[in-house]
Structure formats: structure tokens, C-alpha cells
C-alpha atoms as a PDB file:
ATOM      1  CA  MET A   1       0.000   0.000   0.000  1.00  0.00           C
ATOM      2  CA  GLN A   2       1.324   3.442  -0.964  1.00  0.00           C
ATOM      3  CA  PHE A   3       0.149   7.065  -0.928  1.00  0.00           C
ATOM      4  CA  ARG A   4      -0.346   8.697  -4.320  1.00  0.00           C
ATOM      5  CA  LYS A   5       0.877  12.078  -3.097  1.00  0.00           C
ATOM      6  CA  LEU A   6       4.104  10.572  -1.760  1.00  0.00           C
ATOM      7  CA  ILE A   7       4.652   8.518  -4.914  1.00  0.00           C
ATOM      8  CA  LYS A   8       5.095  11.854  -6.699  1.00  0.00           C
ATOM      9  CA  TYR A   9       8.460  12.081  -4.918  1.00  0.00           C
ATOM     10  CA  SER A  10       9.552   8.513  -5.753  1.00  0.00           C
ATOM     11  CA  ASP A  11      12.767   9.797  -7.284  1.00  0.00           C
ATOM     12  CA  ARG A  12      13.791  10.878  -3.762  1.00  0.00           C
ATOM     13  CA  VAL A  13      11.845   8.711  -1.315  1.00  0.00           C
ATOM     14  CA  GLN A  14      10.388   5.213  -1.309  1.00  0.00           C
ATOM     15  CA  HIS A  15       7.705   3.993   1.059  1.00  0.00           C
ATOM     16  CA  ALA A  16       5.140   1.266   1.667  1.00  0.00           C
ATOM     17  CA  TYR A  17       2.741  -0.179   4.206  1.00  0.00           C
ATOM     18  CA  THR A  18       2.666  -3.949   3.919  1.00  0.00           C
ATOM     19  CA  LEU A  19      -0.369  -6.219   3.719  1.00  0.00           C
ATOM     20  CA  LYS A  20      -1.114  -9.817   4.619  1.00  0.00           C
ATOM     21  CA  PRO A  21       0.131 -12.478   4.255  1.00  0.00           C
ATOM     22  CA  LEU A  22       3.511 -10.882   5.010  1.00  0.00           C
ATOM     23  CA  ASP A  23       4.132 -10.958   8.775  1.00  0.00           C
ATOM     24  CA  PHE A  24       6.892  -8.934  10.436  1.00  0.00           C
ATOM     25  CA  GLY A  25       6.709 -10.365  13.954  1.00  0.00           C
ATOM     26  CA  ASN A  26       6.346  -8.652  17.307  1.00  0.00           C
ATOM     27  CA  ASN A  27       8.446  -8.062  20.409  1.00  0.00           C
ATOM     28  CA  ALA A  28       7.525 -11.422  21.927  1.00  0.00           C
ATOM     29  CA  ASN A  29       7.989 -13.747  18.954  1.00  0.00           C
ATOM     30  CA  MET A  30      10.815 -12.124  17.002  1.00  0.00           C
ATOM     31  CA  CYS A  31      13.369 -14.752  17.993  1.00  0.00           C
ATOM     32  CA  GLU A  32      11.297 -17.641  16.662  1.00  0.00           C
ATOM     33  CA  LYS A  33      10.071 -15.747  13.589  1.00  0.00           C
ATOM     34  CA  LYS A  34      13.229 -13.857  12.723  1.00  0.00           C
ATOM     35  CA  GLU A  35      14.108 -15.872   9.608  1.00  0.00           C
ATOM     36  CA  ILE A  36      10.593 -15.412   8.210  1.00  0.00           C
ATOM     37  CA  VAL A  37      10.670 -11.710   9.096  1.00  0.00           C
ATOM     38  CA  LEU A  38      14.041 -11.208   7.406  1.00  0.00           C
ATOM     39  CA  GLU A  39      12.812 -12.987   4.284  1.00  0.00           C
ATOM     40  CA  ASN A  40       9.710 -10.781   4.220  1.00  0.00           C
ATOM     41  CA  TYR A  41      11.867  -7.672   4.542  1.00  0.00           C
ATOM     42  CA  LYS A  42      13.943  -8.895   1.609  1.00  0.00           C
ATOM     43  CA  LYS A  43      10.769  -9.261  -0.464  1.00  0.00           C
ATOM     44  CA  ILE A  44       9.363  -5.833   0.288  1.00  0.00           C
ATOM     45  CA  CYS A  45      12.746  -4.086   0.011  1.00  0.00           C
ATOM     46  CA  ARG A  46      13.408  -5.783  -3.313  1.00  0.00           C
ATOM     47  CA  SER A  47      10.080  -4.524  -4.632  1.00  0.00           C
ATOM     48  CA  LEU A  48      11.036  -0.978  -3.572  1.00  0.00           C
ATOM     49  CA  ASN A  49      14.628  -1.291  -4.850  1.00  0.00           C
ATOM     50  CA  LEU A  50      15.963  -0.819  -1.307  1.00  0.00           C
ATOM     51  CA  ASP A  51      18.779  -2.665   0.476  1.00  0.00           C
ATOM     52  CA  ASP A  52      17.388  -4.719   3.368  1.00  0.00           C
ATOM     53  CA  LYS A  53      20.875  -4.728   4.924  1.00  0.00           C
ATOM     54  CA  ASN A  54      20.305  -1.026   5.712  1.00  0.00           C
ATOM     55  CA  LEU A  55      17.129  -1.727   7.703  1.00  0.00           C
ATOM     56  CA  TYR A  56      16.508   0.010  11.046  1.00  0.00           C
ATOM     57  CA  ARG A  57      13.701  -1.339  13.209  1.00  0.00           C
ATOM     58  CA  PRO A  58      13.495  -0.304  16.876  1.00  0.00           C
ATOM     59  CA  TYR A  59      12.095  -2.205  19.825  1.00  0.00           C
ATOM     60  CA  GLN A  60       8.766  -0.400  20.163  1.00  0.00           C
ATOM     61  CA  THR A  61       7.208   0.045  23.602  1.00  0.00           C
ATOM     62  CA  HIS A  62       4.477   2.674  23.044  1.00  0.00           C
ATOM     63  CA  THR A  63       6.716   5.590  24.036  1.00  0.00           C
ATOM     64  CA  ASN A  64       6.891   9.076  22.565  1.00  0.00           C
ATOM     65  CA  PHE A  65      10.631   8.781  21.989  1.00  0.00           C
ATOM     66  CA  ILE A  66      12.012   9.799  18.591  1.00  0.00           C
ATOM     67  CA  LYS A  67      15.537   8.852  17.482  1.00  0.00           C
ATOM     68  CA  LYS A  68      17.649  10.302  14.690  1.00  0.00           C
ATOM     69  CA  VAL A  69      19.268   7.713  12.415  1.00  0.00           C
ATOM     70  CA  ASN A  70      22.811   8.585  11.357  1.00  0.00           C
ATOM     71  CA  GLU A  71      25.488   5.911  11.102  1.00  0.00           C
ATOM     72  CA  GLU A  72      24.351   3.518  13.812  1.00  0.00           C
ATOM     73  CA  LYS A  73      24.493  -0.202  13.144  1.00  0.00           C
ATOM     74  CA  PRO A  74      21.364  -1.295  11.231  1.00  0.00           C
ATOM     75  CA  GLY A  75      19.224  -4.250  12.221  1.00  0.00           C
ATOM     76  CA  ILE A  76      16.163  -5.333  14.182  1.00  0.00           C
ATOM     77  CA  PHE A  77      16.012  -4.448  17.905  1.00  0.00           C
ATOM     78  CA  THR A  78      19.664  -3.357  18.036  1.00  0.00           C
ATOM     79  CA  GLU A  79      21.083  -1.875  21.233  1.00  0.00           C
ATOM     80  CA  ASP A  80      20.901   1.703  19.917  1.00  0.00           C
ATOM     81  CA  PHE A  81      17.184   1.434  19.191  1.00  0.00           C
ATOM     82  CA  GLN A  82      15.533   0.184  22.368  1.00  0.00           C
ATOM     83  CA  ASN A  83      12.240   1.727  23.554  1.00  0.00           C
ATOM     84  CA  ILE A  84      11.916   3.913  20.469  1.00  0.00           C
ATOM     85  CA  ASP A  85       8.669   4.537  18.557  1.00  0.00           C
ATOM     86  CA  GLY A  86       9.765   7.069  15.971  1.00  0.00           C
ATOM     87  CA  LEU A  87      12.697   7.312  13.558  1.00  0.00           C
ATOM     88  CA  ILE A  88      13.902  10.352  11.603  1.00  0.00           C
ATOM     89  CA  THR A  89      16.739  10.899   9.148  1.00  0.00           C
ATOM     90  CA  ASP A  90      18.126  13.057   6.375  1.00  0.00           C
ATOM     91  CA  LYS A  91      20.520  10.298   5.263  1.00  0.00           C
ATOM     92  CA  LYS A  92      19.972   8.361   2.066  1.00  0.00           C
ATOM     93  CA  ASP A  93      19.630   4.568   2.018  1.00  0.00           C
ATOM     94  CA  LYS A  94      18.508   4.294   5.651  1.00  0.00           C
ATOM     95  CA  VAL A  95      15.446   2.038   5.589  1.00  0.00           C
ATOM     96  CA  LEU A  96      13.233   3.052   8.517  1.00  0.00           C
ATOM     97  CA  SER A  97      10.682   0.439   9.571  1.00  0.00           C
ATOM     98  CA  LEU A  98       8.066  -0.014  12.311  1.00  0.00           C
ATOM     99  CA  SER A  99       5.432  -2.684  13.014  1.00  0.00           C
ATOM    100  CA  PHE A 100       1.659  -2.365  13.497  1.00  0.00           C
ATOM    101  CA  ALA A 101      -1.523  -4.253  14.345  1.00  0.00           C
ATOM    102  CA  ASP A 102      -4.129  -1.493  14.976  1.00  0.00           C
ATOM    103  CA  CYS A 103      -1.798   1.350  15.995  1.00  0.00           C
ATOM    104  CA  THR A 104      -1.447   4.414  13.778  1.00  0.00           C
ATOM    105  CA  PRO A 105       1.406   4.671  11.239  1.00  0.00           C
ATOM    106  CA  LEU A 106       2.571   8.222  10.550  1.00  0.00           C
ATOM    107  CA  PHE A 107       4.877   8.799   7.564  1.00  0.00           C
ATOM    108  CA  PHE A 108       6.448  12.266   7.422  1.00  0.00           C
ATOM    109  CA  TYR A 109       8.239  13.876   4.498  1.00  0.00           C
ATOM    110  CA  SER A 110       9.596  17.370   3.957  1.00  0.00           C
ATOM    111  CA  PRO A 111      10.247  17.878   0.229  1.00  0.00           C
ATOM    112  CA  LEU A 112      12.072  21.158   0.894  1.00  0.00           C
ATOM    113  CA  ASP A 113      14.529  19.608   3.365  1.00  0.00           C
ATOM    114  CA  ASN A 114      14.457  16.036   1.995  1.00  0.00           C
ATOM    115  CA  VAL A 115      13.899  14.642   5.488  1.00  0.00           C
ATOM    116  CA  ILE A 116      11.717  11.692   6.529  1.00  0.00           C
ATOM    117  CA  ALA A 117      10.180  10.251   9.684  1.00  0.00           C
ATOM    118  CA  ASN A 118       8.430   6.998  10.508  1.00  0.00           C
ATOM    119  CA  VAL A 119       6.265   7.074  13.642  1.00  0.00           C
ATOM    120  CA  HIS A 120       4.246   4.498  15.614  1.00  0.00           C
ATOM    121  CA  SER A 121       1.310   6.104  17.415  1.00  0.00           C
ATOM    122  CA  GLY A 122      -0.786   3.583  19.323  1.00  0.00           C
ATOM    123  CA  TRP A 123      -3.421   4.815  21.741  1.00  0.00           C
ATOM    124  CA  GLN A 124      -0.707   5.253  24.354  1.00  0.00           C
ATOM    125  CA  GLY A 125       1.569   7.051  21.910  1.00  0.00           C
ATOM    126  CA  THR A 126      -1.337   9.242  20.850  1.00  0.00           C
ATOM    127  CA  TYR A 127      -2.064  10.065  24.487  1.00  0.00           C
ATOM    128  CA  LYS A 128       1.645  10.894  24.937  1.00  0.00           C
ATOM    129  CA  GLU A 129       1.465  13.047  21.779  1.00  0.00           C
ATOM    130  CA  ILE A 130       4.245  11.348  19.843  1.00  0.00           C
ATOM    131  CA  ALA A 131       3.084  13.178  16.691  1.00  0.00           C
ATOM    132  CA  ARG A 132       3.846  16.498  18.391  1.00  0.00           C
ATOM    133  CA  GLU A 133       7.240  15.182  19.492  1.00  0.00           C
ATOM    134  CA  ALA A 134       8.012  14.098  15.937  1.00  0.00           C
ATOM    135  CA  VAL A 135       7.262  17.522  14.444  1.00  0.00           C
ATOM    136  CA  LYS A 136       9.256  19.309  17.142  1.00  0.00           C
ATOM    137  CA  THR A 137      12.208  16.937  16.699  1.00  0.00           C
ATOM    138  CA  LEU A 138      12.209  17.361  12.917  1.00  0.00           C
ATOM    139  CA  ASN A 139      12.323  21.117  13.437  1.00  0.00           C
ATOM    140  CA  LYS A 140      15.027  20.946  16.107  1.00  0.00           C
ATOM    141  CA  GLU A 141      17.316  18.468  14.336  1.00  0.00           C
ATOM    142  CA  TYR A 142      16.862  19.476  10.699  1.00  0.00           C
ATOM    143  CA  GLY A 143      15.194  22.868  10.754  1.00  0.00           C
ATOM    144  CA  CYS A 144      12.043  21.509   9.102  1.00  0.00           C
ATOM    145  CA  ASN A 145       9.326  24.137   8.967  1.00  0.00           C
ATOM    146  CA  PRO A 146       6.060  22.370   9.924  1.00  0.00           C
ATOM    147  CA  ALA A 147       4.306  24.313   7.157  1.00  0.00           C
ATOM    148  CA  ASN A 148       6.413  22.346   4.662  1.00  0.00           C
ATOM    149  CA  LEU A 149       5.864  18.946   6.271  1.00  0.00           C
ATOM    150  CA  MET A 150       3.541  16.314   4.874  1.00  0.00           C
ATOM    151  CA  CYS A 151       2.101  13.581   7.086  1.00  0.00           C
ATOM    152  CA  PHE A 152       0.576  10.397   5.694  1.00  0.00           C
ATOM    153  CA  ILE A 153      -1.641   8.419   8.068  1.00  0.00           C
ATOM    154  CA  GLY A 154      -1.777   4.700   7.374  1.00  0.00           C
ATOM    155  CA  PRO A 155      -4.402   2.119   8.362  1.00  0.00           C
ATOM    156  CA  TYR A 156      -5.311   1.991  12.060  1.00  0.00           C
ATOM    157  CA  ILE A 157      -8.254   0.984  14.241  1.00  0.00           C
ATOM    158  CA  ARG A 158     -10.896   3.630  13.686  1.00  0.00           C
ATOM    159  CA  LYS A 159     -13.217   5.213  16.199  1.00  0.00           C
ATOM    160  CA  MET A 160     -16.175   2.894  15.561  1.00  0.00           C
ATOM    161  CA  CYS A 161     -14.031  -0.151  16.405  1.00  0.00           C
ATOM    162  CA  PHE A 162     -11.863   1.270  19.206  1.00  0.00           C
ATOM    163  CA  GLU A 163     -14.016   0.661  22.262  1.00  0.00           C
ATOM    164  CA  VAL A 164     -12.618   1.495  25.715  1.00  0.00           C
ATOM    165  CA  ASP A 165     -13.667   1.505  29.357  1.00  0.00           C
ATOM    166  CA  GLU A 166     -14.245   4.451  31.677  1.00  0.00           C
ATOM    167  CA  ASP A 167     -10.608   4.675  32.851  1.00  0.00           C
ATOM    168  CA  VAL A 168      -9.164   5.216  29.369  1.00  0.00           C
ATOM    169  CA  LYS A 169     -12.018   7.518  28.426  1.00  0.00           C
ATOM    170  CA  GLU A 170     -11.285   9.705  31.476  1.00  0.00           C
ATOM    171  CA  MET A 171      -7.591   9.917  30.571  1.00  0.00           C
ATOM    172  CA  PHE A 172      -8.373  11.185  27.095  1.00  0.00           C
ATOM    173  CA  TYR A 173     -11.173  13.457  28.253  1.00  0.00           C
ATOM    174  CA  LYS A 174      -8.979  15.267  30.757  1.00  0.00           C
ATOM    175  CA  LYS A 175      -6.056  15.621  28.370  1.00  0.00           C
ATOM    176  CA  PHE A 176      -7.870  16.677  25.203  1.00  0.00           C
ATOM    177  CA  GLU A 177     -10.894  18.578  26.479  1.00  0.00           C
ATOM    178  CA  TYR A 178      -8.943  21.765  25.745  1.00  0.00           C
ATOM    179  CA  THR A 179      -9.331  21.156  21.986  1.00  0.00           C
ATOM    180  CA  GLY A 180     -13.016  22.057  22.119  1.00  0.00           C
ATOM    181  CA  ARG A 181     -13.720  18.935  20.051  1.00  0.00           C
ATOM    182  CA  ILE A 182     -14.016  16.382  22.833  1.00  0.00           C
ATOM    183  CA  ASP A 183     -17.508  15.351  21.693  1.00  0.00           C
ATOM    184  CA  GLU A 184     -16.009  14.356  18.347  1.00  0.00           C
ATOM    185  CA  ILE A 185     -13.044  12.623  19.952  1.00  0.00           C
ATOM    186  CA  ILE A 186     -15.066  10.572  22.461  1.00  0.00           C
ATOM    187  CA  GLU A 187     -18.467   9.029  21.827  1.00  0.00           C
ATOM    188  CA  GLU A 188     -20.495   7.042  24.344  1.00  0.00           C
ATOM    189  CA  SER A 189     -21.681   3.625  23.202  1.00  0.00           C
ATOM    190  CA  GLU A 190     -25.349   2.736  23.106  1.00  0.00           C
ATOM    191  CA  ASN A 191     -25.177   0.652  26.291  1.00  0.00           C
ATOM    192  CA  ASN A 192     -23.618   3.639  28.144  1.00  0.00           C
ATOM    193  CA  SER A 193     -20.855   1.546  29.693  1.00  0.00           C
ATOM    194  CA  LYS A 194     -18.267   1.786  26.916  1.00  0.00           C
ATOM    195  CA  TYR A 195     -16.781   4.587  24.840  1.00  0.00           C
ATOM    196  CA  TYR A 196     -15.298   5.036  21.371  1.00  0.00           C
ATOM    197  CA  ILE A 197     -12.184   7.183  20.910  1.00  0.00           C
ATOM    198  CA  ASP A 198     -11.026   8.792  17.670  1.00  0.00           C
ATOM    199  CA  THR A 199      -7.240   8.636  17.980  1.00  0.00           C
ATOM    200  CA  GLY A 200      -6.852   9.691  14.345  1.00  0.00           C
ATOM    201  CA  LEU A 201      -8.663  12.958  14.972  1.00  0.00           C
ATOM    202  CA  ILE A 202      -6.409  13.622  17.969  1.00  0.00           C
ATOM    203  CA  ASN A 203      -3.322  13.145  15.805  1.00  0.00           C
ATOM    204  CA  LYS A 204      -4.722  15.475  13.140  1.00  0.00           C
ATOM    205  CA  ILE A 205      -5.490  18.152  15.743  1.00  0.00           C
ATOM    206  CA  ILE A 206      -1.973  17.853  17.183  1.00  0.00           C
ATOM    207  CA  LEU A 207      -0.364  18.071  13.736  1.00  0.00           C
ATOM    208  CA  GLN A 208      -2.320  21.206  12.868  1.00  0.00           C
ATOM    209  CA  GLU A 209      -1.515  22.729  16.255  1.00  0.00           C
ATOM    210  CA  GLU A 210       2.162  22.198  15.403  1.00  0.00           C
ATOM    211  CA  GLY A 211       1.785  24.035  12.100  1.00  0.00           C
ATOM    212  CA  LEU A 212       1.030  21.402   9.468  1.00  0.00           C
ATOM    213  CA  SER A 213      -1.457  22.406   6.818  1.00  0.00           C
ATOM    214  CA  GLU A 214      -4.683  20.417   6.720  1.00  0.00           C
ATOM    215  CA  TYR A 215      -3.957  19.937   3.004  1.00  0.00           C
ATOM    216  CA  ASN A 216      -0.670  18.192   3.899  1.00  0.00           C
ATOM    217  CA  ILE A 217      -2.266  15.663   6.272  1.00  0.00           C
ATOM    218  CA  ILE A 218      -3.347  12.713   4.136  1.00  0.00           C
ATOM    219  CA  ASP A 219      -5.362   9.958   5.791  1.00  0.00           C
ATOM    220  CA  SER A 220      -5.697   6.520   4.213  1.00  0.00           C
ATOM    221  CA  GLY A 221      -9.186   6.233   5.712  1.00  0.00           C
ATOM    222  CA  ILE A 222      -8.740   2.497   6.314  1.00  0.00           C
ATOM    223  CA  CYS A 223      -9.685   0.640   9.521  1.00  0.00           C
ATOM    224  CA  THR A 224      -7.527  -2.344  10.455  1.00  0.00           C
ATOM    225  CA  ALA A 225     -10.327  -3.982  12.460  1.00  0.00           C
ATOM    226  CA  CYS A 226     -12.692  -3.823   9.465  1.00  0.00           C
ATOM    227  CA  TYR A 227     -10.284  -5.302   6.919  1.00  0.00           C
ATOM    228  CA  THR A 228      -8.631  -8.271   8.602  1.00  0.00           C
ATOM    229  CA  ASP A 229      -8.450 -10.023   5.235  1.00  0.00           C
ATOM    230  CA  LYS A 230      -5.610  -7.631   4.362  1.00  0.00           C
ATOM    231  CA  LEU A 231      -4.488  -6.120   7.668  1.00  0.00           C
ATOM    232  CA  TYR A 232      -3.554  -7.424  11.103  1.00  0.00           C
ATOM    233  CA  SER A 233      -5.707  -6.313  14.029  1.00  0.00           C
ATOM    234  CA  TYR A 234      -4.795  -7.155  17.602  1.00  0.00           C
ATOM    235  CA  ARG A 235      -8.258  -6.073  18.737  1.00  0.00           C
ATOM    236  CA  VAL A 236      -9.862  -8.662  16.439  1.00  0.00           C
ATOM    237  CA  GLU A 237      -7.251 -11.421  16.233  1.00  0.00           C
ATOM    238  CA  LYS A 238      -5.734 -11.167  19.724  1.00  0.00           C
ATOM    239  CA  GLU A 239      -2.528 -13.225  20.149  1.00  0.00           C
ATOM    240  CA  ASN A 240      -2.933 -14.640  16.636  1.00  0.00           C
ATOM    241  CA  ALA A 241      -2.373 -11.222  15.093  1.00  0.00           C
ATOM    242  CA  GLY A 242       0.749 -10.842  13.018  1.00  0.00           C
ATOM    243  CA  ARG A 243       2.240  -7.446  12.232  1.00  0.00           C
ATOM    244  CA  ASN A 244       2.163  -5.222   9.176  1.00  0.00           C
ATOM    245  CA  CYS A 245       5.126  -2.914   8.738  1.00  0.00           C
ATOM    246  CA  SER A 246       5.732   0.597   7.486  1.00  0.00           C
ATOM    247  CA  ILE A 247       8.833   1.362   5.452  1.00  0.00           C
ATOM    248  CA  ILE A 248      10.250   4.679   4.295  1.00  0.00           C
ATOM    249  CA  SER A 249      13.691   5.527   2.937  1.00  0.00           C
ATOM    250  CA  LEU A 250      15.445   8.363   1.126  1.00  0.00           C
ATOM    251  CA  ILE A 251      17.121   7.178  -2.069  1.00  0.00           C
END
């Protein structure tokens, strides 16, 4: 899966969000699945004309930590990339990758600066405002003006499928009531004991607060929980869920 608007820059950046049946493993099963995962990375990188030996995949733990990729040793879960949920770089041939099964993929690209970011924003990362951290870090490290940034939002579990209990609802209510759009962000279910949260809307609000143009925020509009024939969903498949991956690289 690719974004048409980002394909326009395919002479400078390559990207993709993978679909089933490719599985890229998770934190718990990477050791047993590593050979399959590496073979799947070879397949997708070959299709994008990228070198899988230059792959960077962090050990994701739902943080809001962003790390710049320079000349660190590439690989999966390497020592330099522990507890990281966002990668940024201005270096060519650095293949940035993250894994997903309902959480929100955020691809960033600044055509003016030729800088990229790959961000994993689950509900915890959204609550911790990792999207805001990504924009601020891109500005701090590379001088990226948010007005020039594009953000591409991949498939994630949408509001109508992301049902939560009172405790999570209260967390989000208290933190994002200031937006004035809390009634759009949180909706009470019909039985009045559960709630639905629109994490995508929160990310869009944060991105616009940080200076991105609404025109430059492109949402795939796809729900992982509704399309389990093509996408992994932890909410639907539980422990049987594999992982899709996002890939982006300057070329």
C-alpha cells in the first residue's frame, strides 16, 4: 500500500505499508520468527529497490521517543534502538521500519529539506502526543518548517471499532478537552458503559496545532479492524495477530 501524493516524490523517497500475508513479527515472537521476518523484509525491500541490509527497526514500547538515524548499526532491535517509537533521518539509504496491528502509522516527508520520519502512534503514543514530538524533533534536528511537512496516516483501528472503558475515556477526556472537540473525539456507546475514541482525529489536531497544513495531512481512511483479510488487528485477532510494517527511505 502506498500514498499517491508521496509517490510523486519517488525519485527521492520510497515507502510502503505492507499487507497480509507478510508478517513482520512482534516483540515477543521475534526470535522464533526472525528468519521469516528477514525474508519478508527482503521481499518488500526488493520490490522498492531498497537494500534490506540497511534496515533500522526499533524495539517499540508505546513511548513518545524519537531517534535520529545517522550511522548507527542497522538491524532489528539493536542496542541503539531500544524503547523507540519514531525514527527520523536526512541520510539516504537508511530504511526506517516499524510494526503495526491497529496502531497508527505516521509517515512524514519534507520535500524542501528532503527529510523523513516513521512514527508508531498507538493509543498510548497518541495520548503521549508522539506526533507532536516528531514535528518538534524534525524542526530541532533538521530545521524543518512544519508548514512544509507532509504527514501520511496509514491504516489503524478507527473510532467505531476502538471501544474502551471508563478509565481510558477519562484519561483522554482530561487531556484533550482543551481542543473544544471532545464530543467528536469521544463518543459514548449505546449501552452507556463503553466509549469510542477517535485517535486519528487527535493526531490530526496535534499536527495542525504544530503548524502542518490540513492539506498536507493525508489519511488513508482504512480501519484495520474492518479489513482483517488484508491487515492485522490485535483487537480482532488477539494473540494470533501478526504485524504489518511501514517502510520509508530516502534514495
